[in-house]
Amino acid sequence: MVEEIDERPARRFLHVCYCCDDKSATTTMLTGGLGLRHAWTSPTGHQSAAILGLGDVVSGADFVFDGRGPRTSPAIEVQEWREPEVVGAPYDDPTAVGVHALGFAVPDVGAPVREMTAAGSKVVSSDARLLGSGSTTLRDANGVTIDLVDDPSIPAGECRMRHLRITVSDLAASVRWYECLGFDVVDEVTVEGGALLGLDGDVRADAARLRLPDEPYEALLVQWRPCEVGVRHWTRRAS
């Protein structure tokens, strides 16, 4: 009998990088609001960033994990930049192609929403059609979007890293690319209307959830229609 070998190139997420100018404040926000755990720190100082195509930089990082801990859950690498300074801003346009949100599953969204808003986050939407029942989307104090989704199986006071939400220009092509890395499609959904992200107008979202074999953390790929370059078919809802 010949044993079948799974030769997928990738089997799990390692980490998600969260760039900021103050890792201490961001780590406090994530640990205090979501119950994440700060495991270790790479001190801020001069170092080489040749792997990123940069020279000498002044940078450092905090590594935080959910309740499962290191080697079991992915890390959030809270990357602090001093030289060069952080530039740009997180996406405000959900139809722009790129990484848009970190997603977390929590026992009940009520408590973390209160903690996060007290720390300067703002609620964007509580529409559950894309993320599931009991979900809330916020924009944190740095402008980074956070998706929270109810999961009563999670212990009180903890969370689980759930997904990375990514806007793509061609969902079918992107799914094929992720499948080549070893991801499997676990669900597909189409949502009509933009209320889930605080939008008005003729908006539709086609989405696919993908997962690696050894990691429940998902890639949530979303294609917004219509979203032609340079043509805006929606308007931001008044807050």
C-alpha atoms as a PDB file:
ATOM      1  CA  MET A   1       0.000   0.000   0.000  1.00  0.00           C
ATOM      2  CA  VAL A   2       1.430   3.395  -1.006  1.00  0.00           C
ATOM      3  CA  GLU A   3       0.820   6.164   1.502  1.00  0.00           C
ATOM      4  CA  GLU A   4      -0.688   9.265  -0.070  1.00  0.00           C
ATOM      5  CA  ILE A   5       1.381  12.362   0.672  1.00  0.00           C
ATOM      6  CA  ASP A   6      -0.119  15.865   0.773  1.00  0.00           C
ATOM      7  CA  GLU A   7       2.436  17.946  -1.135  1.00  0.00           C
ATOM      8  CA  ARG A   8       0.836  21.355  -0.625  1.00  0.00           C
ATOM      9  CA  PRO A   9       3.450  24.121  -0.442  1.00  0.00           C
ATOM     10  CA  ALA A  10       1.796  25.852   2.546  1.00  0.00           C
ATOM     11  CA  ARG A  11       0.066  24.375   5.566  1.00  0.00           C
ATOM     12  CA  ARG A  12      -0.510  27.271   7.990  1.00  0.00           C
ATOM     13  CA  PHE A  13      -0.279  31.015   8.588  1.00  0.00           C
ATOM     14  CA  LEU A  14       2.789  32.207  10.515  1.00  0.00           C
ATOM     15  CA  HIS A  15       2.004  35.843  11.225  1.00  0.00           C
ATOM     16  CA  VAL A  16       0.260  39.025  10.173  1.00  0.00           C
ATOM     17  CA  CYS A  17       2.291  42.255  10.203  1.00  0.00           C
ATOM     18  CA  TYR A  18       0.614  45.346  11.732  1.00  0.00           C
ATOM     19  CA  CYS A  19       2.726  48.447  10.975  1.00  0.00           C
ATOM     20  CA  CYS A  20       2.507  51.443  13.333  1.00  0.00           C
ATOM     21  CA  ASP A  21       4.583  54.199  14.920  1.00  0.00           C
ATOM     22  CA  ASP A  22       4.012  53.089  18.536  1.00  0.00           C
ATOM     23  CA  LYS A  23       4.036  49.363  19.221  1.00  0.00           C
ATOM     24  CA  SER A  24       3.385  49.790  22.952  1.00  0.00           C
ATOM     25  CA  ALA A  25       0.087  51.631  22.447  1.00  0.00           C
ATOM     26  CA  THR A  26      -1.042  49.245  19.702  1.00  0.00           C
ATOM     27  CA  THR A  27      -0.158  46.138  21.712  1.00  0.00           C
ATOM     28  CA  THR A  28      -2.046  47.526  24.723  1.00  0.00           C
ATOM     29  CA  MET A  29      -5.080  48.121  22.510  1.00  0.00           C
ATOM     30  CA  LEU A  30      -4.996  44.558  21.143  1.00  0.00           C
ATOM     31  CA  THR A  31      -4.373  42.845  24.466  1.00  0.00           C
ATOM     32  CA  GLY A  32      -6.782  45.005  26.442  1.00  0.00           C
ATOM     33  CA  GLY A  33      -9.602  45.087  23.917  1.00  0.00           C
ATOM     34  CA  LEU A  34      -9.397  41.557  22.505  1.00  0.00           C
ATOM     35  CA  GLY A  35      -7.668  39.465  25.153  1.00  0.00           C
ATOM     36  CA  LEU A  36      -4.624  38.743  22.983  1.00  0.00           C
ATOM     37  CA  ARG A  37      -1.386  37.812  24.743  1.00  0.00           C
ATOM     38  CA  HIS A  38       1.930  39.634  24.369  1.00  0.00           C
ATOM     39  CA  ALA A  39       4.511  36.856  24.128  1.00  0.00           C
ATOM     40  CA  TRP A  40       7.798  38.624  23.373  1.00  0.00           C
ATOM     41  CA  THR A  41       9.377  41.806  22.037  1.00  0.00           C
ATOM     42  CA  SER A  42      12.058  42.574  19.490  1.00  0.00           C
ATOM     43  CA  PRO A  43      13.491  45.843  20.930  1.00  0.00           C
ATOM     44  CA  THR A  44      13.338  48.962  18.788  1.00  0.00           C
ATOM     45  CA  GLY A  45      16.786  49.854  17.475  1.00  0.00           C
ATOM     46  CA  HIS A  46      19.066  50.001  14.447  1.00  0.00           C
ATOM     47  CA  GLN A  47      18.930  46.903  12.262  1.00  0.00           C
ATOM     48  CA  SER A  48      19.129  45.776   8.670  1.00  0.00           C
ATOM     49  CA  ALA A  49      15.904  45.554   6.641  1.00  0.00           C
ATOM     50  CA  ALA A  50      17.556  44.152   3.522  1.00  0.00           C
ATOM     51  CA  ILE A  51      14.899  41.443   3.357  1.00  0.00           C
ATOM     52  CA  LEU A  52      12.382  44.258   2.673  1.00  0.00           C
ATOM     53  CA  GLY A  53      14.614  45.998   0.165  1.00  0.00           C
ATOM     54  CA  LEU A  54      15.608  48.654   2.726  1.00  0.00           C
ATOM     55  CA  GLY A  55      18.968  49.507   4.277  1.00  0.00           C
ATOM     56  CA  ASP A  56      19.574  50.215   7.945  1.00  0.00           C
ATOM     57  CA  VAL A  57      16.377  51.135   9.800  1.00  0.00           C
ATOM     58  CA  VAL A  58      15.228  51.856  13.336  1.00  0.00           C
ATOM     59  CA  SER A  59      12.433  49.420  14.050  1.00  0.00           C
ATOM     60  CA  GLY A  60      11.143  46.853  16.526  1.00  0.00           C
ATOM     61  CA  ALA A  61       8.173  44.556  17.093  1.00  0.00           C
ATOM     62  CA  ASP A  62       5.864  43.046  19.680  1.00  0.00           C
ATOM     63  CA  PHE A  63       4.547  39.549  18.962  1.00  0.00           C
ATOM     64  CA  VAL A  64       1.030  38.853  20.229  1.00  0.00           C
ATOM     65  CA  PHE A  65      -1.023  35.672  20.020  1.00  0.00           C
ATOM     66  CA  ASP A  66      -4.531  34.538  20.828  1.00  0.00           C
ATOM     67  CA  GLY A  67      -5.281  32.182  23.722  1.00  0.00           C
ATOM     68  CA  ARG A  68      -3.752  29.170  21.963  1.00  0.00           C
ATOM     69  CA  GLY A  69      -0.300  30.707  22.256  1.00  0.00           C
ATOM     70  CA  PRO A  70       2.882  30.544  20.143  1.00  0.00           C
ATOM     71  CA  ARG A  71       3.416  27.618  17.747  1.00  0.00           C
ATOM     72  CA  THR A  72      -0.341  26.947  17.812  1.00  0.00           C
ATOM     73  CA  SER A  73      -1.887  30.209  16.624  1.00  0.00           C
ATOM     74  CA  PRO A  74      -0.557  32.774  14.135  1.00  0.00           C
ATOM     75  CA  ALA A  75       1.205  35.821  15.542  1.00  0.00           C
ATOM     76  CA  ILE A  76       0.343  39.451  15.016  1.00  0.00           C
ATOM     77  CA  GLU A  77       3.699  41.170  14.553  1.00  0.00           C
ATOM     78  CA  VAL A  78       3.117  44.710  15.784  1.00  0.00           C
ATOM     79  CA  GLN A  79       5.886  46.395  13.786  1.00  0.00           C
ATOM     80  CA  GLU A  80       7.021  49.798  15.038  1.00  0.00           C
ATOM     81  CA  TRP A  81       8.774  52.076  12.516  1.00  0.00           C
ATOM     82  CA  ARG A  82      10.903  55.045  13.631  1.00  0.00           C
ATOM     83  CA  GLU A  83      13.344  55.444  10.717  1.00  0.00           C
ATOM     84  CA  PRO A  84      11.857  55.525   8.140  1.00  0.00           C
ATOM     85  CA  GLU A  85       8.601  56.779   9.606  1.00  0.00           C
ATOM     86  CA  VAL A  86       5.261  55.132   8.849  1.00  0.00           C
ATOM     87  CA  VAL A  87       3.684  56.605   5.708  1.00  0.00           C
ATOM     88  CA  GLY A  88       0.229  56.410   4.188  1.00  0.00           C
ATOM     89  CA  ALA A  89      -2.966  55.358   5.899  1.00  0.00           C
ATOM     90  CA  PRO A  90      -5.061  52.168   6.144  1.00  0.00           C
ATOM     91  CA  TYR A  91      -7.643  51.679   3.391  1.00  0.00           C
ATOM     92  CA  ASP A  92     -10.828  53.695   3.705  1.00  0.00           C
ATOM     93  CA  ASP A  93     -12.195  52.459   0.359  1.00  0.00           C
ATOM     94  CA  PRO A  94     -13.272  48.797   0.820  1.00  0.00           C
ATOM     95  CA  THR A  95     -13.223  48.226  -2.963  1.00  0.00           C
ATOM     96  CA  ALA A  96      -9.495  49.043  -3.226  1.00  0.00           C
ATOM     97  CA  VAL A  97      -7.482  45.891  -3.898  1.00  0.00           C
ATOM     98  CA  GLY A  98      -5.396  44.824  -0.890  1.00  0.00           C
ATOM     99  CA  VAL A  99      -5.499  43.566   2.696  1.00  0.00           C
ATOM    100  CA  HIS A 100      -8.362  45.290   4.518  1.00  0.00           C
ATOM    101  CA  ALA A 101      -9.120  43.752   7.902  1.00  0.00           C
ATOM    102  CA  LEU A 102      -8.015  41.467  10.690  1.00  0.00           C
ATOM    103  CA  GLY A 103     -10.818  39.176  11.828  1.00  0.00           C
ATOM    104  CA  PHE A 104     -11.276  37.732  15.318  1.00  0.00           C
ATOM    105  CA  ALA A 105     -13.793  35.294  16.756  1.00  0.00           C
ATOM    106  CA  VAL A 106     -14.939  36.184  20.292  1.00  0.00           C
ATOM    107  CA  PRO A 107     -17.412  34.624  22.769  1.00  0.00           C
ATOM    108  CA  ASP A 108     -19.686  37.663  22.402  1.00  0.00           C
ATOM    109  CA  VAL A 109     -18.928  40.859  20.479  1.00  0.00           C
ATOM    110  CA  GLY A 110     -20.501  43.114  23.131  1.00  0.00           C
ATOM    111  CA  ALA A 111     -17.605  43.315  25.605  1.00  0.00           C
ATOM    112  CA  PRO A 112     -14.753  43.721  23.079  1.00  0.00           C
ATOM    113  CA  VAL A 113     -16.741  46.337  21.141  1.00  0.00           C
ATOM    114  CA  ARG A 114     -17.120  48.348  24.359  1.00  0.00           C
ATOM    115  CA  GLU A 115     -13.418  47.949  25.184  1.00  0.00           C
ATOM    116  CA  MET A 116     -12.304  48.867  21.668  1.00  0.00           C
ATOM    117  CA  THR A 117     -14.561  51.916  21.368  1.00  0.00           C
ATOM    118  CA  ALA A 118     -13.385  53.133  24.782  1.00  0.00           C
ATOM    119  CA  ALA A 119      -9.829  52.909  23.386  1.00  0.00           C
ATOM    120  CA  GLY A 120     -10.710  55.051  20.364  1.00  0.00           C
ATOM    121  CA  SER A 121     -12.159  52.580  17.850  1.00  0.00           C
ATOM    122  CA  LYS A 122     -15.281  53.417  15.834  1.00  0.00           C
ATOM    123  CA  VAL A 123     -18.008  50.996  14.766  1.00  0.00           C
ATOM    124  CA  VAL A 124     -18.333  50.777  10.981  1.00  0.00           C
ATOM    125  CA  SER A 125     -21.112  48.210  10.728  1.00  0.00           C
ATOM    126  CA  SER A 126     -22.978  45.423  12.489  1.00  0.00           C
ATOM    127  CA  ASP A 127     -24.332  43.878   9.277  1.00  0.00           C
ATOM    128  CA  ALA A 128     -23.874  40.096   9.568  1.00  0.00           C
ATOM    129  CA  ARG A 129     -24.360  38.969   5.973  1.00  0.00           C
ATOM    130  CA  LEU A 130     -20.710  38.685   4.990  1.00  0.00           C
ATOM    131  CA  LEU A 131     -19.080  37.707   8.275  1.00  0.00           C
ATOM    132  CA  GLY A 132     -21.848  35.745   9.998  1.00  0.00           C
ATOM    133  CA  SER A 133     -24.334  36.321  12.786  1.00  0.00           C
ATOM    134  CA  GLY A 134     -23.297  38.470  15.705  1.00  0.00           C
ATOM    135  CA  SER A 135     -20.552  40.296  13.818  1.00  0.00           C
ATOM    136  CA  THR A 136     -19.320  43.876  14.139  1.00  0.00           C
ATOM    137  CA  THR A 137     -16.720  45.739  12.090  1.00  0.00           C
ATOM    138  CA  LEU A 138     -14.697  48.534  13.685  1.00  0.00           C
ATOM    139  CA  ARG A 139     -11.898  50.876  12.678  1.00  0.00           C
ATOM    140  CA  ASP A 140      -9.340  51.047  15.471  1.00  0.00           C
ATOM    141  CA  ALA A 141      -7.450  54.073  16.773  1.00  0.00           C
ATOM    142  CA  ASN A 142      -4.804  53.663  14.039  1.00  0.00           C
ATOM    143  CA  GLY A 143      -7.435  53.385  11.297  1.00  0.00           C
ATOM    144  CA  VAL A 144      -6.984  49.620  10.887  1.00  0.00           C
ATOM    145  CA  THR A 145     -10.214  47.689  10.305  1.00  0.00           C
ATOM    146  CA  ILE A 146     -11.101  44.919  12.780  1.00  0.00           C
ATOM    147  CA  ASP A 147     -13.844  42.331  12.166  1.00  0.00           C
ATOM    148  CA  LEU A 148     -15.359  40.681  15.267  1.00  0.00           C
ATOM    149  CA  VAL A 149     -17.539  37.573  14.961  1.00  0.00           C
ATOM    150  CA  ASP A 150     -19.460  35.724  17.711  1.00  0.00           C
ATOM    151  CA  ASP A 151     -18.294  32.197  18.593  1.00  0.00           C
ATOM    152  CA  PRO A 152     -19.763  30.938  21.910  1.00  0.00           C
ATOM    153  CA  SER A 153     -17.316  28.000  21.973  1.00  0.00           C
ATOM    154  CA  ILE A 154     -14.408  30.331  22.812  1.00  0.00           C
ATOM    155  CA  PRO A 155     -13.531  30.705  26.530  1.00  0.00           C
ATOM    156  CA  ALA A 156     -14.653  33.934  28.203  1.00  0.00           C
ATOM    157  CA  GLY A 157     -12.111  36.738  27.993  1.00  0.00           C
ATOM    158  CA  GLU A 158     -10.295  35.201  25.016  1.00  0.00           C
ATOM    159  CA  CYS A 159     -10.452  35.458  21.243  1.00  0.00           C
ATOM    160  CA  ARG A 160      -9.260  33.448  18.258  1.00  0.00           C
ATOM    161  CA  MET A 161      -7.662  34.848  15.143  1.00  0.00           C
ATOM    162  CA  ARG A 162     -10.329  34.092  12.523  1.00  0.00           C
ATOM    163  CA  HIS A 163      -9.513  35.650   9.139  1.00  0.00           C
ATOM    164  CA  LEU A 164      -7.604  38.112   7.028  1.00  0.00           C
ATOM    165  CA  ARG A 165     -10.057  39.989   4.789  1.00  0.00           C
ATOM    166  CA  ILE A 166      -8.601  40.781   1.374  1.00  0.00           C
ATOM    167  CA  THR A 167     -10.220  42.672  -1.525  1.00  0.00           C
ATOM    168  CA  VAL A 168      -9.355  41.202  -4.932  1.00  0.00           C
ATOM    169  CA  SER A 169     -10.059  42.319  -8.491  1.00  0.00           C
ATOM    170  CA  ASP A 170     -10.792  38.806  -9.849  1.00  0.00           C
ATOM    171  CA  LEU A 171     -12.176  36.368  -7.289  1.00  0.00           C
ATOM    172  CA  ALA A 172     -11.944  33.281  -9.493  1.00  0.00           C
ATOM    173  CA  ALA A 173      -8.312  33.953 -10.419  1.00  0.00           C
ATOM    174  CA  SER A 174      -7.393  34.720  -6.800  1.00  0.00           C
ATOM    175  CA  VAL A 175      -9.034  31.528  -5.536  1.00  0.00           C
ATOM    176  CA  ARG A 176      -7.020  29.494  -8.055  1.00  0.00           C
ATOM    177  CA  TRP A 177      -3.807  31.193  -6.888  1.00  0.00           C
ATOM    178  CA  TYR A 178      -4.503  30.437  -3.226  1.00  0.00           C
ATOM    179  CA  GLU A 179      -5.450  26.860  -4.074  1.00  0.00           C
ATOM    180  CA  CYS A 180      -1.998  26.464  -5.646  1.00  0.00           C
ATOM    181  CA  LEU A 181      -0.528  27.405  -2.247  1.00  0.00           C
ATOM    182  CA  GLY A 182      -2.584  24.697  -0.539  1.00  0.00           C
ATOM    183  CA  PHE A 183      -5.778  26.496   0.517  1.00  0.00           C
ATOM    184  CA  ASP A 184      -9.211  24.867   0.273  1.00  0.00           C
ATOM    185  CA  VAL A 185     -12.452  26.795  -0.295  1.00  0.00           C
ATOM    186  CA  VAL A 186     -14.707  26.207   2.721  1.00  0.00           C
ATOM    187  CA  ASP A 187     -17.574  28.574   1.844  1.00  0.00           C
ATOM    188  CA  GLU A 188     -18.778  31.062  -0.768  1.00  0.00           C
ATOM    189  CA  VAL A 189     -21.306  33.862  -0.365  1.00  0.00           C
ATOM    190  CA  THR A 190     -22.771  36.785  -2.314  1.00  0.00           C
ATOM    191  CA  VAL A 191     -24.060  39.882  -0.509  1.00  0.00           C
ATOM    192  CA  GLU A 192     -26.193  42.555  -2.146  1.00  0.00           C
ATOM    193  CA  GLY A 193     -25.843  46.122  -0.876  1.00  0.00           C
ATOM    194  CA  GLY A 194     -23.024  47.868   0.935  1.00  0.00           C
ATOM    195  CA  ALA A 195     -24.573  48.355   4.383  1.00  0.00           C
ATOM    196  CA  LEU A 196     -22.103  45.876   5.894  1.00  0.00           C
ATOM    197  CA  LEU A 197     -19.317  48.428   5.378  1.00  0.00           C
ATOM    198  CA  GLY A 198     -21.346  51.585   5.765  1.00  0.00           C
ATOM    199  CA  LEU A 199     -21.840  52.187   2.037  1.00  0.00           C
ATOM    200  CA  ASP A 200     -24.806  53.344  -0.025  1.00  0.00           C
ATOM    201  CA  GLY A 201     -25.244  52.613  -3.702  1.00  0.00           C
ATOM    202  CA  ASP A 202     -25.289  49.776  -6.209  1.00  0.00           C
ATOM    203  CA  VAL A 203     -22.863  47.403  -4.478  1.00  0.00           C
ATOM    204  CA  ARG A 204     -22.443  43.628  -4.468  1.00  0.00           C
ATOM    205  CA  ALA A 205     -19.810  41.533  -2.716  1.00  0.00           C
ATOM    206  CA  ASP A 206     -18.812  38.051  -3.896  1.00  0.00           C
ATOM    207  CA  ALA A 207     -16.664  36.306  -1.282  1.00  0.00           C
ATOM    208  CA  ALA A 208     -14.839  33.047  -0.695  1.00  0.00           C
ATOM    209  CA  ARG A 209     -13.450  31.690   2.574  1.00  0.00           C
ATOM    210  CA  LEU A 210     -10.251  29.660   2.213  1.00  0.00           C
ATOM    211  CA  ARG A 211      -8.325  27.649   4.773  1.00  0.00           C
ATOM    212  CA  LEU A 212      -5.019  25.802   5.016  1.00  0.00           C
ATOM    213  CA  PRO A 213      -5.031  22.178   6.248  1.00  0.00           C
ATOM    214  CA  ASP A 214      -3.304  22.808   9.608  1.00  0.00           C
ATOM    215  CA  GLU A 215      -4.702  26.230  10.489  1.00  0.00           C
ATOM    216  CA  PRO A 216      -8.280  27.418  11.138  1.00  0.00           C
ATOM    217  CA  TYR A 217      -7.285  31.038  10.402  1.00  0.00           C
ATOM    218  CA  GLU A 218      -8.770  31.907   7.007  1.00  0.00           C
ATOM    219  CA  ALA A 219      -8.191  34.094   3.984  1.00  0.00           C
ATOM    220  CA  LEU A 220     -11.501  35.829   3.260  1.00  0.00           C
ATOM    221  CA  LEU A 221     -11.340  37.013  -0.361  1.00  0.00           C
ATOM    222  CA  VAL A 222     -13.897  39.622  -1.464  1.00  0.00           C
ATOM    223  CA  GLN A 223     -14.599  41.037  -4.921  1.00  0.00           C
ATOM    224  CA  TRP A 224     -16.776  44.138  -4.935  1.00  0.00           C
ATOM    225  CA  ARG A 225     -18.986  44.748  -7.977  1.00  0.00           C
ATOM    226  CA  PRO A 226     -18.962  47.134  -9.657  1.00  0.00           C
ATOM    227  CA  CYS A 227     -15.492  48.413  -8.750  1.00  0.00           C
ATOM    228  CA  GLU A 228     -13.933  49.623 -11.997  1.00  0.00           C
ATOM    229  CA  VAL A 229     -10.753  51.601 -11.487  1.00  0.00           C
ATOM    230  CA  GLY A 230     -11.510  55.300 -11.194  1.00  0.00           C
ATOM    231  CA  VAL A 231     -15.286  54.846 -11.120  1.00  0.00           C
ATOM    232  CA  ARG A 232     -17.032  55.044  -7.761  1.00  0.00           C
ATOM    233  CA  HIS A 233     -20.505  53.496  -7.667  1.00  0.00           C
ATOM    234  CA  TRP A 234     -21.093  54.045  -3.989  1.00  0.00           C
ATOM    235  CA  THR A 235     -20.993  56.821  -1.408  1.00  0.00           C
ATOM    236  CA  ARG A 236     -19.911  56.719   2.221  1.00  0.00           C
ATOM    237  CA  ARG A 237     -22.855  56.747   4.605  1.00  0.00           C
ATOM    238  CA  ALA A 238     -23.066  59.754   6.899  1.00  0.00           C
ATOM    239  CA  SER A 239     -21.999  58.818  10.423  1.00  0.00           C
END
